[in-house]
Protein backbone atom coordinates (compact mmCIF):
# COMPACT_ATOMS: atom_id res chain seq x y z
CA MET A 1 113.35 94.11 100.88
CA SER A 2 112.72 90.43 100.13
CA GLY A 3 109.04 89.69 99.72
CA SER A 4 106.97 86.56 100.08
CA SER A 5 106.48 86.24 96.31
CA LEU A 6 110.20 85.30 95.99
CA ASP A 7 110.64 87.42 92.88
CA GLY A 8 113.89 88.90 94.17
CA LEU A 9 115.49 91.67 96.15
CA ASP A 10 114.27 95.26 95.95
CA LEU A 11 116.81 97.98 96.78
CA ALA A 12 116.12 101.68 97.30
CA LEU A 13 118.58 104.48 98.02
CA CYS A 14 116.70 107.17 99.94
CA THR A 15 117.29 110.39 101.84
CA PHE A 16 115.20 111.53 104.82
CA GLU A 17 115.30 114.90 106.56
CA PHE A 18 113.81 115.07 110.07
CA ASN A 19 112.93 118.03 112.25
CA GLY A 20 112.42 116.46 115.62
CA GLN A 21 109.80 113.77 115.10
CA ALA A 22 108.52 115.32 111.86
CA LEU A 23 109.70 114.16 108.45
CA GLN A 24 110.38 117.35 106.49
CA HIS A 25 111.44 115.84 103.18
CA TRP A 26 112.18 112.47 101.59
CA GLU A 27 113.34 111.30 98.21
CA ALA A 28 114.08 107.99 96.49
CA LEU A 29 117.33 108.62 94.63
CA ALA A 30 117.70 105.20 92.98
CA CYS A 31 115.80 101.92 92.95
CA GLU A 32 116.62 98.52 91.51
CA ALA A 33 115.22 94.99 91.53
CA ARG A 34 117.64 92.06 91.52
CA PRO A 35 116.20 88.56 90.90
CA PHE A 36 117.30 85.78 93.21
CA PRO A 37 119.40 82.93 91.77
CA GLU A 38 117.19 79.91 91.14
CA ASP A 39 118.96 77.88 93.83
CA TRP A 40 118.04 80.53 96.42
CA VAL A 41 114.40 80.56 95.27
CA ARG A 42 114.21 76.80 95.82
CA ARG A 43 116.09 77.05 99.09
CA LEU A 44 113.91 79.79 100.56
CA ARG A 45 110.74 78.02 99.48
CA ALA A 46 111.81 74.77 101.16
CA LEU A 47 113.32 76.28 104.31
CA PRO A 48 110.17 76.31 106.51
CA ALA A 49 110.24 72.51 106.40
CA GLY A 50 114.04 72.29 106.85
CA THR A 51 116.20 71.48 109.86
CA ALA A 52 117.47 73.88 112.51
CA ARG A 53 120.95 73.58 111.04
CA GLU A 54 119.67 74.44 107.55
CA LEU A 55 117.91 77.50 108.98
CA ALA A 56 121.06 78.68 110.78
CA VAL A 57 123.28 78.21 107.72
CA ALA A 58 120.74 79.93 105.45
CA HIS A 59 120.52 82.88 107.86
CA ALA A 60 124.27 83.44 107.64
CA GLN A 61 124.62 82.79 103.91
CA PHE A 62 121.55 84.83 102.93
CA GLY A 63 123.03 87.71 104.94
CA GLN A 64 126.18 87.37 102.85
CA LEU A 65 124.11 87.46 99.65
CA LEU A 66 122.25 90.57 100.84
CA GLY A 67 125.54 92.22 101.77
CA GLU A 68 127.06 91.52 98.36
CA GLN A 69 123.98 92.84 96.56
CA ALA A 70 123.81 95.98 98.70
CA LYS A 71 127.54 96.62 98.21
CA ALA A 72 127.25 96.32 94.42
CA PHE A 73 124.17 98.55 94.37
CA LEU A 74 125.87 101.29 96.40
CA GLU A 75 129.05 101.11 94.32
CA ALA A 76 126.96 101.60 91.18
CA GLN A 77 125.46 104.74 92.72
CA ALA A 78 128.90 105.96 93.86
CA VAL A 79 127.60 107.02 97.28
CA GLU A 80 128.35 106.28 100.93
CA ALA A 81 125.15 105.35 102.75
CA ASP A 82 124.66 106.21 106.43
CA ALA A 83 123.22 102.75 106.99
CA ILE A 84 121.59 99.77 105.33
CA ALA A 85 118.17 98.62 106.56
CA SER A 86 117.22 95.05 105.70
CA HIS A 87 113.91 93.32 106.27
CA GLY A 88 115.32 89.88 105.49
CA HIS A 89 113.17 87.03 104.22
CA THR A 90 110.33 85.76 106.42
CA ILE A 91 110.52 82.05 107.15
CA PHE A 92 108.24 81.77 110.21
CA HIS A 93 105.56 84.14 111.45
CA PHE A 94 103.79 82.89 114.58
CA PRO A 95 103.21 86.03 116.67
CA GLU A 96 100.77 84.16 118.90
CA SER A 97 103.83 82.12 119.99
CA GLY A 98 106.06 85.18 120.19
CA VAL A 99 107.92 84.37 116.97
CA SER A 100 108.56 86.17 113.69
CA THR A 101 111.71 84.94 111.95
CA GLN A 102 113.39 86.78 109.07
CA ILE A 103 116.71 85.37 107.84
CA GLY A 104 119.59 87.44 106.46
CA ASP A 105 122.23 88.17 109.10
CA GLY A 106 122.72 91.92 109.53
CA ALA A 107 126.23 91.31 110.88
CA ALA A 108 127.22 89.85 107.51
CA ILE A 109 125.70 92.83 105.70
CA ALA A 110 127.70 95.24 107.86
CA ALA A 111 130.92 93.25 107.45
CA ILE A 112 130.65 93.05 103.66
CA THR A 113 129.51 96.62 102.99
CA GLY A 114 131.44 98.40 105.71
CA ARG A 115 128.27 100.29 106.61
CA PRO A 116 126.07 100.01 109.72
CA ALA A 117 123.28 97.52 109.08
CA ILE A 118 119.87 97.28 110.76
CA ASP A 119 117.82 94.08 110.75
CA ASN A 120 115.26 92.15 112.84
CA PHE A 121 112.64 94.90 112.72
CA ARG A 122 109.63 92.87 113.88
CA MET A 123 110.58 91.12 117.10
CA GLN A 124 110.52 94.16 119.40
CA ASP A 125 106.86 94.65 118.52
CA VAL A 126 106.14 90.93 118.97
CA ALA A 127 107.83 91.03 122.39
CA LEU A 128 105.40 93.82 123.32
CA GLY A 129 102.43 91.60 122.47
CA GLY A 130 101.98 92.77 118.89
CA GLN A 131 101.72 90.92 115.61
CA GLY A 132 105.02 92.38 114.36
CA ALA A 133 103.04 93.22 111.23
CA PRO A 134 101.96 94.96 109.17
CA ILE A 135 104.79 97.46 109.17
CA ALA A 136 103.63 99.28 106.03
CA PRO A 137 101.48 101.82 107.98
CA VAL A 138 104.70 103.54 109.06
CA ALA A 139 105.34 104.45 105.42
CA ASP A 140 101.70 105.39 104.96
CA GLN A 141 101.80 107.76 107.92
CA TYR A 142 105.06 109.46 106.96
CA LEU A 143 105.15 109.24 103.17
CA PHE A 144 101.51 109.17 101.99
CA PRO A 145 99.47 110.98 104.67
CA GLU A 146 96.88 112.19 102.14
CA GLN A 147 95.60 108.66 101.46
CA THR A 148 92.79 107.09 103.52
CA PHE A 149 93.66 103.54 102.48
CA MET A 150 96.85 101.90 101.20
CA LEU A 151 96.67 98.44 99.68
CA ASN A 152 99.86 96.49 98.98
CA LEU A 153 99.40 93.58 96.59
CA GLY A 154 102.49 91.48 97.22
CA GLY A 155 102.71 87.78 97.92
CA ILE A 156 100.23 88.65 100.67
CA ALA A 157 97.77 91.53 100.34
CA ASN A 158 97.81 93.96 103.25
CA ILE A 159 95.79 97.09 103.87
CA SER A 160 96.23 100.12 106.12
CA ALA A 161 93.87 102.98 106.87
CA ARG A 162 94.09 106.42 108.42
CA THR A 163 91.40 106.80 111.08
CA GLU A 164 90.66 109.28 113.86
CA GLN A 165 92.06 106.73 116.33
CA GLY A 166 95.31 106.35 114.37
CA TYR A 167 96.47 104.01 111.63
CA VAL A 168 95.08 100.49 111.55
CA ALA A 169 96.41 97.76 109.30
CA PHE A 170 96.34 94.03 108.73
CA ASP A 171 96.79 91.33 106.11
CA CYS A 172 93.74 90.69 103.94
CA SER A 173 94.59 87.42 102.20
CA GLY A 174 97.13 85.65 100.06
CA ALA A 175 97.66 87.40 96.73
CA ASN A 176 100.58 86.99 94.32
CA GLN A 177 101.67 83.75 96.00
CA VAL A 178 98.41 82.19 94.84
CA LEU A 179 98.28 83.89 91.43
CA ASN A 180 101.89 83.02 90.60
CA ALA A 181 101.51 79.39 91.66
CA LEU A 182 98.50 79.02 89.37
CA ALA A 183 100.24 80.80 86.48
CA GLU A 184 103.14 78.34 86.80
CA GLU A 185 100.67 75.56 85.96
CA ALA A 186 100.20 77.34 82.64
CA GLY A 187 103.96 77.52 82.12
CA GLN A 188 104.25 81.21 83.08
CA PRO A 189 106.12 82.72 86.05
CA TYR A 190 103.16 85.05 86.61
CA ASP A 191 99.93 86.06 84.89
CA LYS A 192 101.10 89.20 83.07
CA GLY A 193 98.40 91.85 83.26
CA GLY A 194 95.93 89.17 84.37
CA SER A 195 95.57 88.04 80.74
CA ILE A 196 94.93 84.40 81.65
CA ALA A 197 92.53 85.25 84.49
CA ARG A 198 90.55 87.54 82.21
CA THR A 199 89.64 84.60 79.94
CA GLY A 200 88.29 82.48 82.79
CA LYS A 201 84.93 82.30 84.53
CA LEU A 202 83.94 82.53 88.18
CA LEU A 203 83.78 79.33 90.25
CA PRO A 204 81.24 80.22 92.99
CA ASP A 205 81.93 77.12 95.07
CA LEU A 206 85.68 77.76 95.15
CA LEU A 207 85.13 81.43 95.95
CA GLU A 208 82.83 80.51 98.85
CA ARG A 209 85.32 78.00 100.27
CA ALA A 210 88.17 80.52 100.18
CA ILE A 211 86.18 83.35 101.75
CA ALA A 212 84.93 80.98 104.48
CA LEU A 213 88.45 80.29 105.81
CA PRO A 214 88.55 81.33 109.49
CA TYR A 215 91.29 83.93 108.96
CA HIS A 216 89.13 85.82 106.46
CA GLN A 217 86.35 85.97 109.04
CA ALA A 218 88.55 86.98 111.99
CA ASP A 219 88.61 90.50 113.43
CA PHE A 220 91.73 92.66 113.22
CA PRO A 221 94.47 93.22 114.33
CA LYS A 222 95.70 90.08 112.61
CA SER A 223 98.53 89.04 110.32
CA LEU A 224 99.49 86.23 107.99
CA GLY A 225 102.62 84.21 107.40
CA ASN A 226 103.61 82.42 104.21
CA ASP A 227 102.82 79.15 105.98
CA TRP A 228 99.10 80.03 106.15
CA VAL A 229 98.96 80.80 102.44
CA GLN A 230 100.82 77.58 101.57
CA GLU A 231 98.88 75.34 103.96
CA GLN A 232 95.37 76.84 104.06
CA LEU A 233 94.61 78.97 100.99
CA LEU A 234 96.76 77.71 98.14
CA PRO A 235 95.66 74.04 98.36
CA LEU A 236 92.05 75.12 97.76
CA TYR A 237 93.07 76.57 94.40
CA MET A 238 95.65 73.96 93.42
CA ASP A 239 93.39 70.98 94.12
CA TYR A 240 90.15 72.34 92.67
CA PRO A 241 89.13 70.48 89.47
CA ALA A 242 88.92 73.35 86.98
CA SER A 243 91.01 75.09 84.36
CA VAL A 244 93.89 77.37 85.33
CA ALA A 245 92.05 80.32 83.76
CA ASP A 246 88.92 79.71 85.84
CA ARG A 247 90.90 79.32 89.07
CA LEU A 248 92.94 82.46 88.36
CA HIS A 249 89.74 84.36 87.54
CA THR A 250 88.19 83.23 90.82
CA ALA A 251 91.34 84.03 92.80
CA CYS A 252 91.30 87.62 91.52
CA TRP A 253 87.69 88.07 92.56
CA GLN A 254 88.42 86.45 95.94
CA ILE A 255 91.30 88.86 96.60
CA ALA A 256 89.00 91.74 95.65
CA GLN A 257 86.26 90.41 97.95
CA SER A 258 88.73 90.05 100.83
CA VAL A 259 89.89 93.64 100.30
CA ASP A 260 86.30 94.89 100.16
CA ASP A 261 85.45 93.00 103.36
CA SER A 262 88.53 94.53 105.00
CA ILE A 263 87.47 98.06 104.07
CA SER A 264 83.99 97.41 105.45
CA ALA A 265 85.44 96.05 108.70
CA ILE A 266 87.69 99.10 109.11
CA ALA A 267 84.87 101.53 108.31
CA LYS A 268 82.58 99.89 110.87
CA LYS A 269 85.11 99.46 113.68
CA ALA A 270 86.81 102.86 113.23
CA LYS A 271 83.54 104.65 112.43
CA LEU A 272 84.90 106.21 109.23
CA GLN A 273 82.89 109.10 107.88
CA PRO A 274 81.19 108.50 104.50
CA GLU A 275 83.13 111.36 102.87
CA PRO A 276 85.09 110.66 99.67
CA HIS A 277 88.09 108.43 100.32
CA SER A 278 90.99 107.19 98.22
CA MET A 279 93.00 103.97 98.17
CA LEU A 280 96.49 103.74 96.66
CA LEU A 281 97.58 100.38 95.21
CA THR A 282 101.20 99.22 95.36
CA GLY A 283 103.09 95.95 95.01
CA GLY A 284 103.46 93.72 91.98
CA GLY A 285 99.75 92.95 91.89
CA ALA A 286 99.05 96.57 90.92
CA PHE A 287 100.43 95.68 87.46
CA ASN A 288 97.75 92.98 87.12
CA THR A 289 95.12 95.05 85.32
CA PHE A 290 92.40 92.40 85.68
CA LEU A 291 92.95 92.18 89.44
CA VAL A 292 92.85 95.98 89.68
CA GLU A 293 89.56 95.99 87.75
CA CYS A 294 88.10 93.43 90.16
CA ILE A 295 89.17 95.52 93.15
CA ARG A 296 87.68 98.66 91.60
CA VAL A 297 84.36 96.94 90.93
CA LYS A 298 84.12 95.51 94.44
CA CYS A 299 85.47 98.41 96.46
CA GLU A 300 83.99 101.39 94.61
CA LYS A 301 80.51 99.89 94.23
CA ASN A 302 78.88 100.74 97.56
CA ARG A 303 80.99 103.62 98.89
CA SER A 304 82.63 106.88 97.90
CA LEU A 305 86.08 105.49 97.23
CA ALA A 306 88.54 106.11 94.41
CA VAL A 307 91.07 103.36 93.72
CA GLU A 308 94.32 104.93 92.50
CA VAL A 309 97.35 103.35 90.82
CA PRO A 310 100.55 105.43 91.36
CA SER A 311 103.76 105.64 89.34
CA PRO A 312 105.63 102.40 88.57
CA LEU A 313 108.43 103.43 90.96
CA ILE A 314 106.03 103.62 93.93
CA ILE A 315 104.23 100.43 92.86
CA GLU A 316 107.44 98.43 92.69
CA TYR A 317 109.56 99.92 95.43
CA LYS A 318 107.26 101.18 98.17
CA GLU A 319 108.28 98.34 100.51
CA ALA A 320 112.00 98.91 99.90
CA ILE A 321 111.48 102.62 100.57
CA LEU A 322 109.58 101.61 103.72
CA MET A 323 112.59 99.65 104.95
CA ALA A 324 114.84 102.66 104.37
CA LEU A 325 112.39 104.78 106.36
CA MET A 326 112.28 102.26 109.21
CA GLY A 327 116.07 102.25 109.31
CA ALA A 328 116.15 106.06 109.39
CA LEU A 329 113.63 106.10 112.25
CA ARG A 330 115.77 103.55 114.11
CA LEU A 331 118.83 105.81 113.71
CA GLU A 332 116.76 108.76 114.98
CA SER A 333 115.49 106.67 117.94
CA LEU A 334 111.89 107.24 116.82
CA PRO A 335 109.10 104.61 116.88
CA ASN A 336 108.92 102.55 113.69
CA THR A 337 105.90 100.41 114.55
CA LEU A 338 102.33 101.50 115.22
CA PRO A 339 100.42 99.77 118.06
CA THR A 340 97.09 100.61 116.41
CA ALA A 341 98.20 98.45 113.48
CA THR A 342 100.04 95.62 115.24
CA GLY A 343 98.14 95.37 118.53
CA SER A 344 101.26 95.82 120.69
CA THR A 345 101.09 97.46 124.10
CA ALA A 346 103.37 100.38 123.16
CA PRO A 347 105.18 101.99 120.21
CA SER A 348 108.67 100.60 119.70
CA CYS A 349 111.86 101.48 117.89
CA GLY A 350 112.67 98.07 116.45
CA GLY A 351 115.77 96.82 114.70
CA GLY A 352 119.14 95.40 115.67
CA LEU A 353 122.08 97.67 114.79
CA HIS A 354 125.32 96.09 113.56
CA THR A 355 128.30 98.45 113.35
CA PRO A 356 131.41 97.43 111.35
CA PRO A 357 134.92 98.21 112.63
CA LYS A 358 136.11 101.73 111.81
CA THR A 359 139.18 100.17 110.21
CA HIS A 360 137.01 98.34 107.68
CA ASN A 361 138.66 98.60 104.26
CA ARG A 362 136.72 96.21 102.04
């Protein structure tokens, strides 16, 4: 899994046991995070404004990088995987135009590792009229069925919820992309534990401007691409005349407000009962203790909801585990997208399968 925060590649070695369409057992055997080389961070960040040739070359070469990393990871575990599932790195996400582009050629992954590789998980759903996102509800349904809400605080914050009508999910707002960009102004790659944000004060005008963006007011299903964060949300914070601490403080409260508004929208539209509910936090933002405090204050205030922070393994690697699950579902020919979450016309079993030659000896 390569996320929008560009902090690197997450790898998870997992086993899944199915009985028909039911998942009987699953386990994460090993997980590892591998930072991207600095030249790839710059390259991925600049690619949305690049040429068609640059996109094509990056697609092939990023696939080679993913293949090399996956091969080294598997060799360290001394196992033979049935398959490798790769999300790739999102460059464009315009589902309204029928496009969601993740680079990282699965053919290169298969050729380098000698294992079947599955990529391009989103486009089948987009072709069926869906957003192609969020895909996290698949993991929530199979792996964490006891939770009412799941909130992933990655480069973009996304939420999913278990309702009587099925799982619903959507992106709430930009998250770590904004926080990390502001922290870099203070000479830090990220705001560890929210220590800088904690020292700041709220900027009501900036908060109001961010919340008023049309996406935040739109009904779900809906989804965000990195382009929206970079072009619509981030400039509000980068250009506002205030200290980094005050802008980080405000950004944390804005993320919390966007999550709270999302929960209210789900509760109203899905007619959730007022019984006690829980929400599990994952993604790098769950390590930001100030952000977690803001979310707790906002989301627990007016409803019976307990915000829970799981083990570090689940926080860090839930999305990589999700990709392994989606690959397993693809191999089992089971749906790995949920129309109630994406808005597509039907469930789909997405993912392109690349099979290496049986004589492969690399």
